[in-house]
Amino acid sequence: MHTIASHLAVATLIAARHLGYAHPLAAAQMAGQSAGLGKTTLALVILIITILAVMKSAVRGLSGLLSLLSELLRALTAMASILFISALAIAAVLIVLVHH
């Protein structure tokens, strides 16, 4: 998957790891928890990437639905226009027939 979401997730993971090295106490805590943190972080990154991929496909489906609705509204507008013009023509013919 070549999207910005995967690159952003990896960059966030790398930045989070490097922030721990700035403070000695935090670095010691990260060193002690590195085995459990790695699995948890990996699972979290995979979960975030999966959610972003699902959202991407949902947006694609929604855009297809919106384009379909747009075409439907265009057809309904054309039909309403023809119906209105036909009603005006029938009304004009009836008015002419009633007055004669």
C-alpha atoms as a PDB file:
ATOM      1  CA  MET A   1       0.000   0.000   0.000  1.00  0.00           C
ATOM      2  CA  HIS A   2       1.713   3.186  -1.195  1.00  0.00           C
ATOM      3  CA  THR A   3      -0.162   5.933   0.571  1.00  0.00           C
ATOM      4  CA  ILE A   4       0.777   8.750   2.856  1.00  0.00           C
ATOM      5  CA  ALA A   5      -0.972   6.977   5.740  1.00  0.00           C
ATOM      6  CA  SER A   6       1.589   4.179   5.917  1.00  0.00           C
ATOM      7  CA  HIS A   7       4.497   6.631   5.715  1.00  0.00           C
ATOM      8  CA  LEU A   8       2.908   8.790   8.403  1.00  0.00           C
ATOM      9  CA  ALA A   9       2.423   5.790  10.675  1.00  0.00           C
ATOM     10  CA  VAL A  10       6.062   4.713  10.297  1.00  0.00           C
ATOM     11  CA  ALA A  11       7.306   8.284  10.856  1.00  0.00           C
ATOM     12  CA  THR A  12       5.165   8.572  13.985  1.00  0.00           C
ATOM     13  CA  LEU A  13       6.515   5.275  15.280  1.00  0.00           C
ATOM     14  CA  ILE A  14      10.113   6.339  14.667  1.00  0.00           C
ATOM     15  CA  ALA A  15       9.542   9.761  16.258  1.00  0.00           C
ATOM     16  CA  ALA A  16       7.944   8.168  19.321  1.00  0.00           C
ATOM     17  CA  ARG A  17      10.931   5.890  19.763  1.00  0.00           C
ATOM     18  CA  HIS A  18      13.410   8.764  19.432  1.00  0.00           C
ATOM     19  CA  LEU A  19      11.545  10.941  21.923  1.00  0.00           C
ATOM     20  CA  GLY A  20      12.281   8.360  24.588  1.00  0.00           C
ATOM     21  CA  TYR A  21      16.014   8.829  24.151  1.00  0.00           C
ATOM     22  CA  ALA A  22      15.852  12.539  24.995  1.00  0.00           C
ATOM     23  CA  HIS A  23      15.117  11.958  28.695  1.00  0.00           C
ATOM     24  CA  PRO A  24      17.307   9.468  30.631  1.00  0.00           C
ATOM     25  CA  LEU A  25      14.476   8.133  32.807  1.00  0.00           C
ATOM     26  CA  ALA A  26      12.200   7.648  29.802  1.00  0.00           C
ATOM     27  CA  ALA A  27      15.027   5.944  27.920  1.00  0.00           C
ATOM     28  CA  ALA A  28      15.530   3.536  30.804  1.00  0.00           C
ATOM     29  CA  GLN A  29      11.801   2.780  30.912  1.00  0.00           C
ATOM     30  CA  MET A  30      11.719   2.191  27.155  1.00  0.00           C
ATOM     31  CA  ALA A  31      14.707  -0.145  27.377  1.00  0.00           C
ATOM     32  CA  GLY A  32      12.950  -2.151  30.074  1.00  0.00           C
ATOM     33  CA  GLN A  33       9.671  -2.355  28.160  1.00  0.00           C
ATOM     34  CA  SER A  34      11.051  -2.694  24.631  1.00  0.00           C
ATOM     35  CA  ALA A  35       9.825  -6.266  24.062  1.00  0.00           C
ATOM     36  CA  GLY A  36       6.212  -5.604  25.079  1.00  0.00           C
ATOM     37  CA  LEU A  37       6.136  -2.120  23.568  1.00  0.00           C
ATOM     38  CA  GLY A  38       7.321  -3.352  20.173  1.00  0.00           C
ATOM     39  CA  LYS A  39       4.472  -5.845  19.823  1.00  0.00           C
ATOM     40  CA  THR A  40       1.891  -3.378  21.104  1.00  0.00           C
ATOM     41  CA  THR A  41       3.162  -0.597  18.861  1.00  0.00           C
ATOM     42  CA  LEU A  42       3.225  -2.883  15.835  1.00  0.00           C
ATOM     43  CA  ALA A  43      -0.330  -4.006  16.530  1.00  0.00           C
ATOM     44  CA  LEU A  44      -1.425  -0.376  16.916  1.00  0.00           C
ATOM     45  CA  VAL A  45       0.256   0.656  13.655  1.00  0.00           C
ATOM     46  CA  ILE A  46      -1.354  -2.257  11.809  1.00  0.00           C
ATOM     47  CA  LEU A  47      -4.735  -1.342  13.286  1.00  0.00           C
ATOM     48  CA  ILE A  48      -4.375   2.306  12.225  1.00  0.00           C
ATOM     49  CA  ILE A  49      -3.307   1.348   8.693  1.00  0.00           C
ATOM     50  CA  THR A  50      -6.244  -1.052   8.404  1.00  0.00           C
ATOM     51  CA  ILE A  51      -8.709   1.598   9.576  1.00  0.00           C
ATOM     52  CA  LEU A  52      -7.292   4.115   7.095  1.00  0.00           C
ATOM     53  CA  ALA A  53      -7.532   1.590   4.249  1.00  0.00           C
ATOM     54  CA  VAL A  54     -11.168   0.831   5.125  1.00  0.00           C
ATOM     55  CA  MET A  55     -11.963   4.540   5.260  1.00  0.00           C
ATOM     56  CA  LYS A  56     -10.293   5.042   1.866  1.00  0.00           C
ATOM     57  CA  SER A  57     -12.433   2.343   0.248  1.00  0.00           C
ATOM     58  CA  ALA A  58     -15.542   3.746   1.938  1.00  0.00           C
ATOM     59  CA  VAL A  59     -14.807   7.207   0.524  1.00  0.00           C
ATOM     60  CA  ARG A  60     -14.341   5.720  -2.948  1.00  0.00           C
ATOM     61  CA  GLY A  61     -17.682   3.954  -2.672  1.00  0.00           C
ATOM     62  CA  LEU A  62     -19.324   7.129  -1.418  1.00  0.00           C
ATOM     63  CA  SER A  63     -17.930   9.147  -4.316  1.00  0.00           C
ATOM     64  CA  GLY A  64     -19.357   6.603  -6.762  1.00  0.00           C
ATOM     65  CA  LEU A  65     -22.724   6.827  -5.035  1.00  0.00           C
ATOM     66  CA  LEU A  66     -22.641  10.631  -5.133  1.00  0.00           C
ATOM     67  CA  SER A  67     -21.889  10.654  -8.863  1.00  0.00           C
ATOM     68  CA  LEU A  68     -24.782   8.241  -9.421  1.00  0.00           C
ATOM     69  CA  LEU A  69     -27.111  10.488  -7.399  1.00  0.00           C
ATOM     70  CA  SER A  70     -25.919  13.483  -9.384  1.00  0.00           C
ATOM     71  CA  GLU A  71     -26.832  11.785 -12.660  1.00  0.00           C
ATOM     72  CA  LEU A  72     -30.197  10.743 -11.223  1.00  0.00           C
ATOM     73  CA  LEU A  73     -30.958  14.323 -10.165  1.00  0.00           C
ATOM     74  CA  ARG A  74     -29.972  15.569 -13.623  1.00  0.00           C
ATOM     75  CA  ALA A  75     -32.390  13.109 -15.250  1.00  0.00           C
ATOM     76  CA  LEU A  76     -35.172  14.011 -12.795  1.00  0.00           C
ATOM     77  CA  THR A  77     -34.646  17.705 -13.506  1.00  0.00           C
ATOM     78  CA  ALA A  78     -34.956  17.114 -17.248  1.00  0.00           C
ATOM     79  CA  MET A  79     -38.124  15.054 -16.742  1.00  0.00           C
ATOM     80  CA  ALA A  80     -39.663  17.696 -14.461  1.00  0.00           C
ATOM     81  CA  SER A  81     -38.865  20.391 -17.007  1.00  0.00           C
ATOM     82  CA  ILE A  82     -40.578  18.452 -19.799  1.00  0.00           C
ATOM     83  CA  LEU A  83     -43.579  17.726 -17.563  1.00  0.00           C
ATOM     84  CA  PHE A  84     -43.928  21.397 -16.592  1.00  0.00           C
ATOM     85  CA  ILE A  85     -43.724  22.585 -20.216  1.00  0.00           C
ATOM     86  CA  SER A  86     -46.285  19.945 -21.223  1.00  0.00           C
ATOM     87  CA  ALA A  87     -48.635  21.071 -18.433  1.00  0.00           C
ATOM     88  CA  LEU A  88     -48.308  24.692 -19.568  1.00  0.00           C
ATOM     89  CA  ALA A  89     -49.052  23.709 -23.174  1.00  0.00           C
ATOM     90  CA  ILE A  90     -52.122  21.692 -22.128  1.00  0.00           C
ATOM     91  CA  ALA A  91     -53.329  24.579 -19.950  1.00  0.00           C
ATOM     92  CA  ALA A  92     -52.905  27.023 -22.844  1.00  0.00           C
ATOM     93  CA  VAL A  93     -54.857  24.725 -25.200  1.00  0.00           C
ATOM     94  CA  LEU A  94     -57.645  24.306 -22.638  1.00  0.00           C
ATOM     95  CA  ILE A  95     -57.864  28.068 -22.061  1.00  0.00           C
ATOM     96  CA  VAL A  96     -58.134  28.663 -25.810  1.00  0.00           C
ATOM     97  CA  LEU A  97     -60.774  25.923 -26.194  1.00  0.00           C
ATOM     98  CA  VAL A  98     -62.872  27.145 -23.248  1.00  0.00           C
ATOM     99  CA  HIS A  99     -63.000  30.749 -24.517  1.00  0.00           C
ATOM    100  CA  HIS A 100     -64.140  29.755 -28.010  1.00  0.00           C
END
